[in-house]
Every structure is written in structure tokens, then in C-alpha cells.
């Protein structure tokens, strides 16, 4: 009987190394920064996680991992010492399409807190006895956005009724369980589809309460399946999105308003349900105790259509790490 010879491929040393890095592509763009801009608020927000798995605050600016059209990318944002210009380089583990480049250009202003101009609120409260002095003292204060509405929403869910440091731990766990890693080592925040595939035990065995884990996975599944559209458009207004979100079990007015602030950069979000906001109102108004939710809502209504900036100033006035 003739023997059958096995054909064994011969690998060169380079092919024996595992695995090959994805082919990358990159592009850079510049942004002019407004006069008087400071990056302190942006760097504070992005520096929440001292382990820096998905965001790293550097001496020059910020590095952050972000999924663009399901492709891991690393954003390297360098701020000129004069704070007149930001230079952003986006490196992708794959090809960067024109649509992805446009998406990157749209994300960066939010990361730097440029979507809401603080000057409007400052002018509105110039003569106000409560916010006038506060706005003058904190005149460079800016509100920073998450890289996506989904990130803002899930971060808000994680932060429900717990302190910031614990919420940061939950966020880090979520990223490492469902996120993807860019070849630079930076983790990218999970997509709804990737998060929806997590078994609930992956979260509940890592310090998530069952109700919080269920809400995160429920929200992710609804978005991934197309049953919940969180993309603002002419046919899907922010008001419609809010109504749809409030119909999701585990999501209440505070979570929705926070998502409006961090995800949609809406200027008139009322954070009257936030404990830190109510504590700041009590302190600034000389009250013996923080006001209730209804009283805080009535107080903040005076500052419409600038309630988002009002909340930011109230958070900052406490000079603590309570801001989400």
C-alpha cells in the first residue's frame, strides 16, 4: 500500500508570531479653541478612572479609545500650550472611511466640552444673587460630553444611587468585559451589540446589583435590536427619545436628564433629582437642609433655558468628586 504523504506548510519566523496587528490607518485634523478656553473640566471628567484603561490624560492632552463603525480607534488629542488650538490624530485598526472621519470630527468637540457655550448662561444670570457670583467665579466652567449617547446612558445607569468611585469601578468592569482593545492597548467602550451578549452573571458576580445589571443589558439589547432608536433626527426628536427611554424599566427622569446633558448636549436639562445638585442649592441658599425634589425643580425652573449649565455650576460649587 502506498503511503500518503502529509503536506506540512513551512512558516517563516514572522508568520509564527501571533497574532498579527490589524492594518491601521490614521488621519489628523485641527480645531480652533474659543478664547479663554481651559481644559481643566475635560481632563477632570476623562481622568475619572485612575487606571486609565480607556482614557489617559497626558501632559499634552487626552488619549481615548473609541469604536467607530465597530472599528477600534485611538484618539490622540493634543492641546497647544496657548490653548488656541487642538490637534487630533485618529488611528484605526482598519480602514478609516470618510463617514468614520466625519464621525470623529463630530465627537471631539464634545470630549473637550465645546458643545455648550458658557457665555449664554453667564449673561443670563449676571444680575442673579445666587448664580451671578458663582458664574463669575467659575467663568471657564464647561460641560463635557461622552463619546456617544449610549456611553452616556449606560454611565448614568451605573451611577444611579452610588458614589463616583464605585461607579467608575463598574464602568471599568463593563469596558473590560464587553469592550474591544485597540492595538495601542487602549480599551474602547462597548457597542450595544457586544454588551447585549453578556450573560447577566458576568455583571452580578462583579459588584453589579441585579437590577442595575438587568437595566444595562435591557437597554443594550433594545438598542442593538433596533427596538430603541437613540439617534436624534428630524423624525426622531429628543422629546420622542426621552419618552421611549422613560418606558424602559430601570430608567427614570434623572437618568434621562443626565443622558441629555452628557449625550445630547441639551442646554436645558433639569437635574433636580440629583442629590449633589440639591445639596448645592441648599448650601447656596443658606438652608438648614437640602431641598426636596419638587422644591429643587421649582428653583431650577427659574434658570430655564440654561438649566444644564446651572447644574454644572452647582456641582462645581461643592468642590468635591461627586460630579458624574
Protein backbone atom coordinates (compact mmCIF):
# COMPACT_ATOMS: atom_id res chain seq x y z
CA UNK A 1 0.00 0.00 0.00
CA UNK A 2 1.35 3.41 -0.95
CA UNK A 3 1.89 5.76 1.90
CA UNK A 4 0.08 9.09 1.90
CA UNK A 5 2.46 11.93 2.47
CA UNK A 6 1.25 14.78 4.68
CA UNK A 7 1.91 18.25 3.34
CA UNK A 8 3.03 20.43 6.24
CA UNK A 9 3.31 24.15 5.45
CA UNK A 10 6.59 25.77 6.39
CA UNK A 11 6.12 29.00 8.30
CA UNK A 12 8.63 31.79 8.23
CA UNK A 13 9.54 33.32 11.62
CA UNK A 14 7.33 36.38 11.02
CA UNK A 15 4.31 34.15 10.40
CA UNK A 16 4.97 32.19 13.58
CA UNK A 17 4.45 35.27 15.71
CA UNK A 18 0.88 35.59 16.96
CA UNK A 19 -1.29 37.41 16.23
CA UNK A 20 -0.55 39.97 13.57
CA UNK A 21 -1.59 43.52 14.36
CA UNK A 22 -4.52 44.78 12.29
CA UNK A 23 -3.68 47.03 9.39
CA UNK A 24 -4.13 50.57 10.63
CA UNK A 25 -4.91 53.88 9.02
CA UNK A 26 -4.92 57.32 10.51
CA UNK A 27 -5.78 60.93 9.84
CA UNK A 28 -5.35 64.22 11.69
CA UNK A 29 -7.35 67.40 11.95
CA UNK A 30 -7.18 70.67 13.87
CA UNK A 31 -9.74 72.64 15.83
CA UNK A 32 -9.61 76.26 16.91
CA UNK A 33 -10.43 76.67 20.61
CA UNK A 34 -12.53 79.59 21.87
CA UNK A 35 -10.84 82.50 23.60
CA UNK A 36 -10.32 81.86 27.30
CA UNK A 37 -10.75 78.10 26.93
CA UNK A 38 -9.23 75.89 29.62
CA UNK A 39 -9.17 72.11 29.51
CA UNK A 40 -9.46 71.53 33.29
CA UNK A 41 -13.07 70.32 33.23
CA UNK A 42 -12.47 67.99 30.27
CA UNK A 43 -9.36 66.48 31.82
CA UNK A 44 -11.10 66.05 35.18
CA UNK A 45 -14.00 64.22 33.54
CA UNK A 46 -11.85 61.95 31.40
CA UNK A 47 -9.45 61.30 34.25
CA UNK A 48 -12.07 59.69 36.49
CA UNK A 49 -10.55 56.23 36.16
CA UNK A 50 -7.02 56.41 37.53
CA UNK A 51 -6.23 53.06 35.93
CA UNK A 52 -6.66 54.71 32.54
CA UNK A 53 -7.80 51.67 30.59
CA UNK A 54 -9.84 53.60 28.03
CA UNK A 55 -8.84 57.24 28.61
CA UNK A 56 -5.44 58.61 29.53
CA UNK A 57 -4.90 62.24 30.49
CA UNK A 58 -1.40 63.28 29.49
CA UNK A 59 0.71 66.43 29.88
CA UNK A 60 -0.26 67.28 26.31
CA UNK A 61 -3.95 66.40 26.32
CA UNK A 62 -6.01 63.25 26.08
CA UNK A 63 -5.83 59.77 24.57
CA UNK A 64 -9.07 57.79 24.31
CA UNK A 65 -10.18 54.53 22.72
CA UNK A 66 -13.43 54.74 20.75
CA UNK A 67 -15.28 52.36 18.42
CA UNK A 68 -16.04 53.99 15.08
CA UNK A 69 -18.37 51.86 12.96
CA UNK A 70 -17.31 48.84 15.03
CA UNK A 71 -13.60 49.50 14.38
CA UNK A 72 -11.32 50.13 17.39
CA UNK A 73 -9.67 53.53 17.14
CA UNK A 74 -7.41 55.63 19.34
CA UNK A 75 -7.94 59.39 19.58
CA UNK A 76 -4.83 61.37 20.48
CA UNK A 77 -5.83 64.96 21.26
CA UNK A 78 -3.00 67.43 21.82
CA UNK A 79 -3.77 70.90 23.16
CA UNK A 80 -1.37 73.67 22.28
CA UNK A 81 0.14 75.38 25.35
CA UNK A 82 -1.61 78.60 24.35
CA UNK A 83 -4.98 76.76 24.34
CA UNK A 84 -5.72 78.27 20.96
CA UNK A 85 -5.82 75.02 19.01
CA UNK A 86 -6.34 71.28 19.45
CA UNK A 87 -4.75 68.75 17.11
CA UNK A 88 -6.39 65.34 16.95
CA UNK A 89 -4.91 62.22 15.38
CA UNK A 90 -7.20 59.22 14.97
CA UNK A 91 -5.57 55.82 14.43
CA UNK A 92 -7.77 52.89 13.45
CA UNK A 93 -7.24 49.14 13.44
CA UNK A 94 -8.65 49.05 9.95
CA UNK A 95 -9.55 51.47 7.20
CA UNK A 96 -10.93 54.88 8.10
CA UNK A 97 -13.80 55.71 5.79
CA UNK A 98 -14.96 59.26 5.11
CA UNK A 99 -18.00 58.58 7.28
CA UNK A 100 -15.78 57.49 10.17
CA UNK A 101 -13.63 60.61 9.77
CA UNK A 102 -16.75 62.78 9.89
CA UNK A 103 -17.87 60.91 12.99
CA UNK A 104 -14.50 61.54 14.65
CA UNK A 105 -14.71 65.26 13.88
CA UNK A 106 -18.15 65.34 15.46
CA UNK A 107 -17.05 63.55 18.65
CA UNK A 108 -14.03 65.65 19.61
CA UNK A 109 -15.83 68.95 20.41
CA UNK A 110 -17.95 67.11 22.97
CA UNK A 111 -14.92 65.46 24.55
CA UNK A 112 -13.40 68.91 25.06
CA UNK A 113 -16.59 70.49 26.40
CA UNK A 114 -17.19 72.74 23.41
CA UNK A 115 -20.79 71.95 22.59
CA UNK A 116 -22.36 74.28 25.15
CA UNK A 117 -21.09 77.85 25.27
CA UNK A 118 -20.96 79.04 28.92
CA UNK A 119 -21.30 82.68 27.91
CA UNK A 120 -25.07 82.43 27.41
CA UNK A 121 -25.64 81.29 30.98
CA UNK A 122 -23.21 83.88 32.36
CA UNK A 123 -25.14 86.67 30.65
CA UNK A 124 -28.48 85.21 31.76
CA UNK A 125 -27.51 85.17 35.47
CA UNK A 126 -25.32 88.29 35.54
CA UNK A 127 -27.65 90.04 37.99
CA UNK A 128 -28.82 86.91 39.80
CA UNK A 129 -27.91 86.90 43.52
CA UNK A 130 -27.27 83.13 43.58
CA UNK A 131 -25.71 82.25 40.25
CA UNK A 132 -24.24 85.65 39.29
CA UNK A 133 -21.29 85.47 41.71
CA UNK A 134 -20.91 81.74 41.07
CA UNK A 135 -20.73 82.13 37.29
CA UNK A 136 -18.15 84.90 37.63
CA UNK A 137 -16.05 82.75 39.94
CA UNK A 138 -16.33 79.69 37.68
CA UNK A 139 -16.33 81.55 34.36
CA UNK A 140 -14.32 78.90 32.48
CA UNK A 141 -16.59 76.02 33.54
CA UNK A 142 -17.57 73.71 30.70
CA UNK A 143 -19.77 70.62 30.35
CA UNK A 144 -18.06 67.61 28.79
CA UNK A 145 -19.87 65.02 26.68
CA UNK A 146 -19.30 61.28 26.47
CA UNK A 147 -18.13 59.85 23.16
CA UNK A 148 -21.62 58.53 22.41
CA UNK A 149 -25.19 58.72 23.66
CA UNK A 150 -25.00 55.02 24.52
CA UNK A 151 -21.95 55.61 26.70
CA UNK A 152 -23.71 58.49 28.46
CA UNK A 153 -26.83 56.40 29.07
CA UNK A 154 -25.07 53.34 30.45
CA UNK A 155 -22.75 55.51 32.57
CA UNK A 156 -25.84 57.18 34.03
CA UNK A 157 -27.37 53.79 34.86
CA UNK A 158 -24.15 52.68 36.53
CA UNK A 159 -24.07 55.87 38.58
CA UNK A 160 -27.58 55.56 39.95
CA UNK A 161 -27.57 56.00 43.75
CA UNK A 162 -23.87 55.24 44.29
CA UNK A 163 -20.72 57.34 44.65
CA UNK A 164 -18.47 58.21 41.74
CA UNK A 165 -15.54 55.96 42.69
CA UNK A 166 -17.76 52.88 42.78
CA UNK A 167 -19.46 53.89 39.53
CA UNK A 168 -16.01 54.20 37.91
CA UNK A 169 -15.20 50.66 39.06
CA UNK A 170 -18.42 49.35 37.49
CA UNK A 171 -17.65 51.22 34.28
CA UNK A 172 -14.15 49.74 34.10
CA UNK A 173 -15.56 46.25 34.61
CA UNK A 174 -18.12 46.79 31.85
CA UNK A 175 -15.46 48.01 29.41
CA UNK A 176 -13.15 45.06 30.09
CA UNK A 177 -15.98 42.54 29.78
CA UNK A 178 -17.62 43.81 26.60
CA UNK A 179 -15.29 46.38 25.08
CA UNK A 180 -12.62 45.90 22.45
CA UNK A 181 -8.96 46.75 22.69
CA UNK A 182 -7.17 48.96 20.19
CA UNK A 183 -3.71 47.81 19.14
CA UNK A 184 -2.25 50.67 21.22
CA UNK A 185 -3.61 48.99 24.35
CA UNK A 186 -6.48 51.41 24.94
CA UNK A 187 -9.87 49.82 25.51
CA UNK A 188 -12.87 51.09 23.52
CA UNK A 189 -16.24 51.49 25.21
CA UNK A 190 -18.55 48.57 24.30
CA UNK A 191 -21.08 48.70 21.50
CA UNK A 192 -24.70 47.90 22.41
CA UNK A 193 -24.46 44.62 20.45
CA UNK A 194 -21.33 43.47 22.27
CA UNK A 195 -22.79 44.39 25.66
CA UNK A 196 -26.09 42.67 24.90
CA UNK A 197 -24.25 39.37 24.52
CA UNK A 198 -23.00 39.42 28.10
CA UNK A 199 -24.64 36.93 30.48
CA UNK A 200 -26.09 38.73 33.47
CA UNK A 201 -23.87 36.71 35.81
CA UNK A 202 -20.82 38.37 34.26
CA UNK A 203 -22.01 41.60 35.87
CA UNK A 204 -23.68 40.38 39.05
CA UNK A 205 -20.55 38.46 40.08
CA UNK A 206 -18.56 41.68 39.67
CA UNK A 207 -20.35 44.03 42.11
CA UNK A 208 -23.34 44.97 39.94
CA UNK A 209 -26.70 44.77 41.66
CA UNK A 210 -29.09 42.54 39.75
CA UNK A 211 -31.42 45.44 38.92
CA UNK A 212 -28.54 47.57 37.60
CA UNK A 213 -27.18 44.69 35.52
CA UNK A 214 -30.64 43.99 34.11
CA UNK A 215 -31.12 47.64 33.15
CA UNK A 216 -27.75 47.87 31.38
CA UNK A 217 -28.38 44.66 29.44
CA UNK A 218 -32.02 45.52 28.71
CA UNK A 219 -31.02 48.92 27.34
CA UNK A 220 -28.20 47.41 25.28
CA UNK A 221 -30.44 44.72 23.82
CA UNK A 222 -33.18 47.18 22.86
CA UNK A 223 -30.70 49.43 21.08
CA UNK A 224 -28.82 46.55 19.41
CA UNK A 225 -32.06 45.01 18.13
CA UNK A 226 -33.32 48.31 16.76
CA UNK A 227 -36.26 48.45 19.17
CA UNK A 228 -34.94 51.67 20.74
CA UNK A 229 -33.60 54.39 18.48
CA UNK A 230 -31.39 56.86 20.37
CA UNK A 231 -30.13 58.70 17.29
CA UNK A 232 -31.61 62.17 17.10
CA UNK A 233 -33.08 63.11 13.72
CA UNK A 234 -35.90 65.10 12.17
CA UNK A 235 -38.19 62.09 12.55
CA UNK A 236 -36.83 61.05 15.96
CA UNK A 237 -36.74 64.13 18.16
CA UNK A 238 -35.10 64.34 21.56
CA UNK A 239 -38.58 64.53 23.10
CA UNK A 240 -39.55 61.24 21.43
CA UNK A 241 -36.31 59.62 22.56
CA UNK A 242 -36.92 60.75 26.15
CA UNK A 243 -40.41 59.26 26.13
CA UNK A 244 -39.07 55.98 24.77
CA UNK A 245 -36.31 55.86 27.38
CA UNK A 246 -38.72 56.51 30.24
CA UNK A 247 -40.71 53.48 29.09
CA UNK A 248 -37.66 51.24 29.71
CA UNK A 249 -37.72 49.55 33.09
CA UNK A 250 -34.96 50.87 35.33
CA UNK A 251 -34.66 54.26 33.63
CA UNK A 252 -36.16 57.28 35.32
CA UNK A 253 -36.10 61.08 34.91
CA UNK A 254 -32.64 61.51 36.48
CA UNK A 255 -31.05 59.01 34.08
CA UNK A 256 -32.77 60.59 31.09
CA UNK A 257 -31.78 64.14 32.08
CA UNK A 258 -28.22 63.05 32.67
CA UNK A 259 -28.12 61.44 29.23
CA UNK A 260 -29.48 64.65 27.73
CA UNK A 261 -26.61 66.50 29.38
CA UNK A 262 -23.73 64.11 28.64
CA UNK A 263 -25.01 62.51 25.46
CA UNK A 264 -27.04 65.09 23.57
CA UNK A 265 -25.54 68.34 24.95
CA UNK A 266 -29.02 69.67 25.59
CA UNK A 267 -28.85 73.10 27.27
CA UNK A 268 -31.95 72.83 29.47
CA UNK A 269 -31.71 69.58 31.47
CA UNK A 270 -33.21 69.76 34.94
CA UNK A 271 -31.14 67.70 37.38
CA UNK A 272 -33.48 68.36 40.32
CA UNK A 273 -33.37 64.68 41.27
CA UNK A 274 -29.60 64.76 41.78
CA UNK A 275 -28.59 64.68 45.44
CA UNK A 276 -25.44 66.75 44.89
CA UNK A 277 -27.40 69.40 42.96
CA UNK A 278 -29.94 69.66 45.78
CA UNK A 279 -27.16 69.83 48.39
CA UNK A 280 -25.56 72.71 46.48
CA UNK A 281 -28.88 74.55 46.25
CA UNK A 282 -29.33 74.20 50.00
CA UNK A 283 -25.83 75.48 50.69
CA UNK A 284 -26.03 78.44 48.30
CA UNK A 285 -29.45 79.47 49.57
CA UNK A 286 -28.42 79.16 53.23
CA UNK A 287 -30.91 76.39 54.01
CA UNK A 288 -30.52 74.10 57.00
CA UNK A 289 -31.06 71.04 54.81
CA UNK A 290 -31.08 70.28 51.11
CA UNK A 291 -34.46 70.92 49.46
CA UNK A 292 -36.74 68.14 48.29
CA UNK A 293 -37.04 67.16 44.65
CA UNK A 294 -40.13 69.29 43.98
CA UNK A 295 -38.59 72.38 45.60
CA UNK A 296 -35.34 71.88 43.66
CA UNK A 297 -37.30 71.53 40.42
CA UNK A 298 -39.12 74.79 41.11
CA UNK A 299 -35.85 76.54 41.94
CA UNK A 300 -34.11 75.36 38.76
CA UNK A 301 -37.08 76.28 36.58
CA UNK A 302 -36.14 79.95 37.07
CA UNK A 303 -32.99 79.31 35.06
CA UNK A 304 -34.60 77.75 32.01
CA UNK A 305 -33.42 77.53 29.22
CA UNK A 306 -29.97 77.19 30.85
CA UNK A 307 -30.61 74.53 33.49
CA UNK A 308 -27.77 72.32 32.24
CA UNK A 309 -25.17 74.99 33.00
CA UNK A 310 -26.93 75.68 36.29
CA UNK A 311 -26.46 72.04 37.31
CA UNK A 312 -22.80 72.12 36.29
CA UNK A 313 -22.19 75.23 38.41
CA UNK A 314 -23.98 73.67 41.35
CA UNK A 315 -21.85 70.52 41.09
CA UNK A 316 -18.67 72.56 40.85
CA UNK A 317 -19.65 74.74 43.82
CA UNK A 318 -19.41 71.73 46.12
CA UNK A 319 -15.74 71.33 45.18
CA UNK A 320 -15.96 67.55 45.63
CA UNK A 321 -15.64 64.48 43.43
CA UNK A 322 -19.41 63.99 43.29
CA UNK A 323 -19.84 65.03 39.67
CA UNK A 324 -20.65 62.18 37.27
